[in-house]
């Protein structure tokens, strides 16, 4: 079996868990605070869960490196900004912020997978 075999399925499975946890938090926070702080706080949860789940379970890295942690943190910062800007942009077009956040999920997930595969957990 190839080394990366099943990686996309694992990413989707563990991603669904991470998505569920972080999006429940994000949806609740969007009801009580501004977009920037809400997306930032949910992104902190996403980073904490994601680095270990994706590194160990999806990309099966034996030992997580400081370089990977720094790359993951930078990626998370960029995704946070994309999420914040995307929600505000879509809300400016007339969508609710909650619906905008849901619409952005597949775009951000695809970007996250590509960056993790090619940069963060490259072996």
Protein backbone atom coordinates (compact mmCIF):
# COMPACT_ATOMS: atom_id res chain seq x y z
CA UNK A 1 0.00 0.00 0.00
CA UNK A 2 1.26 3.49 -0.79
CA UNK A 3 2.54 5.64 2.05
CA UNK A 4 -0.12 8.39 1.67
CA UNK A 5 -2.94 5.93 1.04
CA UNK A 6 -6.12 6.99 2.80
CA UNK A 7 -4.72 10.37 3.80
CA UNK A 8 -7.58 12.33 2.22
CA UNK A 9 -10.16 10.13 3.95
CA UNK A 10 -8.38 10.52 7.28
CA UNK A 11 -8.17 14.28 6.72
CA UNK A 12 -11.91 14.40 6.06
CA UNK A 13 -12.72 12.23 9.08
CA UNK A 14 -10.54 14.01 11.60
CA UNK A 15 -11.35 17.28 9.90
CA UNK A 16 -15.04 16.63 10.50
CA UNK A 17 -14.35 16.23 14.22
CA UNK A 18 -12.24 19.37 14.32
CA UNK A 19 -14.79 21.22 12.20
CA UNK A 20 -17.67 20.20 14.43
CA UNK A 21 -15.91 21.36 17.59
CA UNK A 22 -14.58 24.62 16.19
CA UNK A 23 -17.70 25.52 14.20
CA UNK A 24 -20.00 24.97 17.17
CA UNK A 25 -17.78 27.38 19.09
CA UNK A 26 -17.63 29.84 16.15
CA UNK A 27 -21.39 29.82 15.57
CA UNK A 28 -22.03 30.55 19.24
CA UNK A 29 -19.38 33.25 19.45
CA UNK A 30 -20.70 35.00 16.32
CA UNK A 31 -23.97 35.49 18.17
CA UNK A 32 -22.34 37.38 21.02
CA UNK A 33 -19.22 39.13 19.69
CA UNK A 34 -17.53 40.64 16.66
CA UNK A 35 -16.26 38.58 13.76
CA UNK A 36 -12.55 39.12 14.42
CA UNK A 37 -12.58 37.93 18.02
CA UNK A 38 -15.05 35.12 17.31
CA UNK A 39 -12.98 33.70 14.45
CA UNK A 40 -9.75 34.14 16.43
CA UNK A 41 -11.04 32.24 19.46
CA UNK A 42 -12.45 29.42 17.35
CA UNK A 43 -9.17 29.29 15.42
CA UNK A 44 -7.26 28.78 18.70
CA UNK A 45 -9.33 25.67 19.36
CA UNK A 46 -8.82 24.57 15.76
CA UNK A 47 -5.04 24.94 16.06
CA UNK A 48 -4.85 23.04 19.33
CA UNK A 49 -6.84 20.10 18.02
CA UNK A 50 -5.65 20.23 14.45
CA UNK A 51 -1.88 20.19 14.86
CA UNK A 52 -1.93 16.94 16.80
CA UNK A 53 -4.80 15.25 14.95
CA UNK A 54 -3.54 16.08 11.48
CA UNK A 55 0.13 15.60 12.23
CA UNK A 56 -0.17 12.31 14.09
CA UNK A 57 -3.34 10.76 12.65
CA UNK A 58 -3.65 12.09 9.10
CA UNK A 59 -0.09 12.60 7.91
CA UNK A 60 1.29 10.05 10.39
CA UNK A 61 4.31 12.04 11.43
CA UNK A 62 6.21 10.05 14.04
CA UNK A 63 7.62 13.07 15.84
CA UNK A 64 6.12 16.52 15.48
CA UNK A 65 8.85 19.08 14.81
CA UNK A 66 9.16 22.73 15.87
CA UNK A 67 9.37 23.66 12.18
CA UNK A 68 6.03 21.94 11.60
CA UNK A 69 4.50 23.72 14.59
CA UNK A 70 5.69 27.09 13.30
CA UNK A 71 4.43 26.34 9.78
CA UNK A 72 1.11 25.15 11.17
CA UNK A 73 0.74 28.28 13.29
CA UNK A 74 1.48 30.49 10.28
CA UNK A 75 -1.02 28.55 8.18
CA UNK A 76 -3.63 28.89 10.95
CA UNK A 77 -3.03 32.64 11.11
CA UNK A 78 -3.56 32.93 7.35
CA UNK A 79 -6.70 30.77 7.49
CA UNK A 80 -8.04 32.87 10.36
CA UNK A 81 -7.57 36.01 8.31
CA UNK A 82 -9.20 34.36 5.27
CA UNK A 83 -12.14 33.26 7.43
CA UNK A 84 -12.58 36.70 8.99
CA UNK A 85 -12.27 38.55 5.67
CA UNK A 86 -14.48 36.03 3.87
CA UNK A 87 -17.24 36.26 6.48
CA UNK A 88 -17.16 40.05 6.39
CA UNK A 89 -17.14 40.09 2.57
CA UNK A 90 -20.06 37.67 2.27
CA UNK A 91 -21.95 39.52 5.01
CA UNK A 92 -21.43 42.70 2.98
CA UNK A 93 -23.18 40.93 0.10
CA UNK A 94 -26.21 40.38 2.33
CA UNK A 95 -25.62 36.94 3.87
CA UNK A 96 -25.75 36.39 7.60
CA UNK A 97 -22.35 35.98 9.22
CA UNK A 98 -23.32 32.48 10.36
CA UNK A 99 -24.26 31.39 6.83
CA UNK A 100 -21.11 33.01 5.45
CA UNK A 101 -19.00 31.00 7.93
CA UNK A 102 -20.65 27.77 6.78
CA UNK A 103 -20.14 28.58 3.09
CA UNK A 104 -16.41 29.12 3.64
CA UNK A 105 -15.84 25.68 5.19
CA UNK A 106 -15.03 23.71 1.99
CA UNK A 107 -12.79 26.45 0.60
CA UNK A 108 -10.78 26.75 3.81
CA UNK A 109 -10.61 22.96 4.24
CA UNK A 110 -9.18 22.46 0.75
CA UNK A 111 -6.63 25.20 1.31
CA UNK A 112 -5.71 23.74 4.70
CA UNK A 113 -5.19 20.24 3.29
CA UNK A 114 -2.97 21.50 0.48
CA UNK A 115 -0.78 23.59 2.78
CA UNK A 116 -0.45 20.81 5.35
CA UNK A 117 0.44 18.22 2.72
CA UNK A 118 2.89 20.39 0.78
CA UNK A 119 4.43 22.51 3.53
CA UNK A 120 3.60 21.70 7.16
CA UNK A 121 3.88 17.89 7.29
CA UNK A 122 5.98 17.39 4.14
CA UNK A 123 8.13 14.31 4.61
